[in-house]
C-alpha atoms as a PDB file:
ATOM      1  CA  MET A   1     267.268  54.946   8.888  1.00  0.00           C
ATOM      2  CA  ALA A   2     263.706  53.731   9.202  1.00  0.00           C
ATOM      3  CA  PHE A   3     263.189  52.317  12.679  1.00  0.00           C
ATOM      4  CA  PHE A   4     259.513  51.386  13.173  1.00  0.00           C
ATOM      5  CA  GLY A   5     258.554  54.136  10.754  1.00  0.00           C
ATOM      6  CA  VAL A   6     260.619  56.749  12.628  1.00  0.00           C
ATOM      7  CA  GLY A   7     262.890  58.829  10.397  1.00  0.00           C
ATOM      8  CA  ASP A   8     266.176  60.553  11.164  1.00  0.00           C
ATOM      9  CA  THR A   9     264.597  63.815  12.302  1.00  0.00           C
ATOM     10  CA  GLU A  10     262.190  62.140  14.709  1.00  0.00           C
ATOM     11  CA  MET A  11     265.025  60.037  16.155  1.00  0.00           C
ATOM     12  CA  LEU A  12     267.121  63.169  16.738  1.00  0.00           C
ATOM     13  CA  VAL A  13     264.215  64.865  18.529  1.00  0.00           C
ATOM     14  CA  ILE A  14     263.689  61.805  20.755  1.00  0.00           C
ATOM     15  CA  MET A  15     267.392  61.739  21.694  1.00  0.00           C
ATOM     16  CA  VAL A  16     267.379  65.449  22.585  1.00  0.00           C
ATOM     17  CA  VAL A  17     264.301  64.979  24.783  1.00  0.00           C
ATOM     18  CA  VAL A  18     265.920  61.979  26.537  1.00  0.00           C
ATOM     19  CA  LEU A  19     269.137  63.993  26.994  1.00  0.00           C
ATOM     20  CA  ILE A  20     267.216  66.866  28.562  1.00  0.00           C
ATOM     21  CA  LEU A  21     265.152  64.592  30.853  1.00  0.00           C
ATOM     22  CA  PHE A  22     267.884  62.201  32.050  1.00  0.00           C
ATOM     23  CA  GLY A  23     271.143  64.086  31.503  1.00  0.00           C
ATOM     24  CA  GLY A  24     274.351  63.132  29.756  1.00  0.00           C
ATOM     25  CA  LYS A  25     275.477  60.581  32.374  1.00  0.00           C
ATOM     26  CA  LYS A  26     272.502  58.255  31.779  1.00  0.00           C
ATOM     27  CA  MET A  27     272.629  58.378  27.961  1.00  0.00           C
ATOM     28  CA  PRO A  28     275.291  55.617  27.564  1.00  0.00           C
ATOM     29  CA  ASP A  29     273.253  53.293  29.792  1.00  0.00           C
ATOM     30  CA  PHE A  30     270.102  53.923  27.735  1.00  0.00           C
ATOM     31  CA  ALA A  31     271.980  53.388  24.486  1.00  0.00           C
ATOM     32  CA  ARG A  32     273.529  50.161  25.788  1.00  0.00           C
ATOM     33  CA  GLY A  33     270.120  48.886  26.919  1.00  0.00           C
ATOM     34  CA  LEU A  34     268.575  49.845  23.586  1.00  0.00           C
ATOM     35  CA  GLY A  35     271.387  48.042  21.729  1.00  0.00           C
ATOM     36  CA  LYS A  36     270.943  44.848  23.777  1.00  0.00           C
ATOM     37  CA  THR A  37     267.198  44.959  23.223  1.00  0.00           C
ATOM     38  CA  LEU A  38     267.587  45.350  19.469  1.00  0.00           C
ATOM     39  CA  LYS A  39     270.162  42.525  19.378  1.00  0.00           C
ATOM     40  CA  GLU A  40     267.793  40.138  21.214  1.00  0.00           C
ATOM     41  CA  LEU A  41     264.909  41.199  18.959  1.00  0.00           C
ATOM     42  CA  ARG A  42     266.931  40.426  15.817  1.00  0.00           C
ATOM     43  CA  LYS A  43     268.064  37.098  17.271  1.00  0.00           C
ATOM     44  CA  ALA A  44     264.481  36.056  18.102  1.00  0.00           C
ATOM     45  CA  THR A  45     263.262  37.187  14.680  1.00  0.00           C
ATOM     46  CA  GLY A  46     266.021  35.161  12.988  1.00  0.00           C
ATOM     47  CA  GLU A  47     265.142  32.035  14.982  1.00  0.00           C
ATOM     48  CA  VAL A  48     261.462  32.350  14.075  1.00  0.00           C
ATOM     49  CA  GLU A  49     262.352  32.856  10.417  1.00  0.00           C
ATOM     50  CA  ARG A  50     264.662  29.786  10.393  1.00  0.00           C
ATOM     51  CA  GLU A  51     261.987  27.636  12.033  1.00  0.00           C
ATOM     52  CA  PHE A  52     259.389  28.844   9.519  1.00  0.00           C
ATOM     53  CA  LYS A  53     261.705  27.988   6.597  1.00  0.00           C
ATOM     54  CA  ARG A  54     262.439  24.546   8.080  1.00  0.00           C
ATOM     55  CA  VAL A  55     258.733  23.763   8.374  1.00  0.00           C
ATOM     56  CA  MET A  56     258.109  24.948   4.818  1.00  0.00           C
ATOM     57  CA  ASP A  57     260.972  22.772   3.500  1.00  0.00           C
ATOM     58  CA  GLU A  58     259.596  19.737   5.344  1.00  0.00           C
ATOM     59  CA  ALA A  59     256.144  20.373   3.864  1.00  0.00           C
ATOM     60  CA  GLU A  60     257.588  20.481   0.335  1.00  0.00           C
ATOM     61  CA  ASN A  61     260.033  17.588   0.784  1.00  0.00           C
ATOM     62  CA  PRO A  62     258.732  15.217   3.448  1.00  0.00           C
ATOM     63  CA  PRO A  63     261.350  12.909   4.955  1.00  0.00           C
ATOM     64  CA  PRO A  64     261.176   9.269   3.836  1.00  0.00           C
ATOM     65  CA  PRO A  65     259.103   7.075   6.123  1.00  0.00           C
ATOM     66  CA  ALA A  66     261.012   5.109   8.695  1.00  0.00           C
ATOM     67  CA  PRO A  67     261.303   1.402   7.872  1.00  0.00           C
ATOM     68  CA  LEU A  68     258.960  -0.830   9.809  1.00  0.00           C
ATOM     69  CA  PRO A  69     260.592  -3.105  12.348  1.00  0.00           C
ATOM     70  CA  ARG A  70     260.992  -6.682  11.178  1.00  0.00           C
ATOM     71  CA  PRO A  71     258.845  -9.224  13.006  1.00  0.00           C
ATOM     72  CA  PRO A  72     260.816 -11.632  15.148  1.00  0.00           C
ATOM     73  CA  ALA A  73     261.779 -14.912  13.532  1.00  0.00           C
ATOM     74  CA  PRO A  74     259.611 -17.835  14.607  1.00  0.00           C
ATOM     75  CA  ALA A  75     261.162 -19.838  17.368  1.00  0.00           C
ATOM     76  CA  THR A  76     262.568 -23.160  16.274  1.00  0.00           C
ATOM     77  CA  VAL A  77     261.607 -26.139  18.364  1.00  0.00           C
ATOM     78  CA  ALA A  78     264.269 -28.752  18.854  1.00  0.00           C
ATOM     79  CA  ARG A  79     263.003 -32.227  18.108  1.00  0.00           C
ATOM     80  CA  VAL A  80     263.849 -34.648  20.872  1.00  0.00           C
ATOM     81  CA  GLU A  81     264.153 -38.285  19.869  1.00  0.00           C
ATOM     82  CA  PRO A  82     263.003 -40.834  22.486  1.00  0.00           C
ATOM     83  CA  ALA A  83     265.801 -42.687  24.178  1.00  0.00           C
ATOM     84  CA  VAL A  84     266.002 -46.283  22.953  1.00  0.00           C
ATOM     85  CA  GLU A  85     267.533 -48.849  25.277  1.00  0.00           C
ATOM     86  CA  PRO A  86     269.595 -51.534  23.637  1.00  0.00           C
ATOM     87  CA  PRO A  87     267.919 -54.971  23.670  1.00  0.00           C
ATOM     88  CA  GLN A  88     269.018 -57.182  26.558  1.00  0.00           C
ATOM     89  CA  GLN A  89     270.871 -60.397  25.936  1.00  0.00           C
ATOM     90  CA  PRO A  90     268.932 -63.561  26.864  1.00  0.00           C
ATOM     91  CA  SER A  91     271.630 -64.520  29.371  1.00  0.00           C
ATOM     92  CA  GLN A  92     271.337 -61.149  31.084  1.00  0.00           C
ATOM     93  CA  ALA A  93     267.558 -61.221  31.296  1.00  0.00           C
ATOM     94  CA  ALA A  94     266.635 -61.550  34.946  1.00  0.00           C
ATOM     95  CA  ALA A  95     263.594 -63.372  36.146  1.00  0.00           C
ATOM     96  CA  PRO A  96     260.912 -61.102  37.492  1.00  0.00           C
ATOM     97  CA  GLU A  97     261.352 -60.489  41.173  1.00  0.00           C
ATOM     98  CA  ILE A  98     258.600 -61.946  43.332  1.00  0.00           C
ATOM     99  CA  LYS A  99     257.761 -59.910  46.371  1.00  0.00           C
ATOM    100  CA  PRO A 100     256.065 -61.408  49.416  1.00  0.00           C
ATOM    101  CA  PRO A 101     252.601 -60.049  50.159  1.00  0.00           C
ATOM    102  CA  ALA A 102     252.551 -56.988  52.369  1.00  0.00           C
ATOM    103  CA  ALA A 103     251.876 -57.639  56.010  1.00  0.00           C
ATOM    104  CA  SER A 104     248.398 -56.848  57.226  1.00  0.00           C
ATOM    105  CA  PRO A 105     247.981 -54.232  59.954  1.00  0.00           C
ATOM    106  CA  GLY A 106     247.518 -56.718  62.781  1.00  0.00           C
ATOM    107  CA  ASP A 107     250.181 -59.154  61.611  1.00  0.00           C
ATOM    108  CA  ASP A 108     252.626 -59.464  64.473  1.00  0.00           C
ATOM    109  CA  GLY A 109     253.035 -63.216  64.284  1.00  0.00           C
ATOM    110  CA  ARG A 110     249.969 -64.127  66.335  1.00  0.00           C
ATOM    111  CA  GLU A 111     246.849 -65.709  64.990  1.00  0.00           C
ATOM    112  CA  TYR A 112     243.810 -63.577  64.738  1.00  0.00           C
ATOM    113  CA  HIS A 113     240.366 -65.020  65.096  1.00  0.00           C
ATOM    114  CA  SER A 114     237.230 -63.156  64.366  1.00  0.00           C
ATOM    115  CA  ASP A 115     234.105 -63.832  66.340  1.00  0.00           C
ATOM    116  CA  ILE A 116     231.808 -62.770  63.684  1.00  0.00           C
END
């Protein structure tokens, strides 16, 4: 077992020293903590390796470019035909209405004489 360049003999010596310093009751806690640490280290290493492989695959095989959005269709303008009135019959044609001249401002029925 090569753990960071530490062989079996060195690992055994380290465990004996830890056993002497901390006693037998603390050894399971240290081993559990060491196991959790190694598990998290492997998990992080695996995630980094997967991300590295994904980036390398994308560099070798780039994804196809996304299609450009289509421009909007030009708006159609409805053509409005002018309204055509039907021609009037000669019998229905009315004579133009004659309106009396508008009353002047001082026109109240009295004569107005200017002295000028």
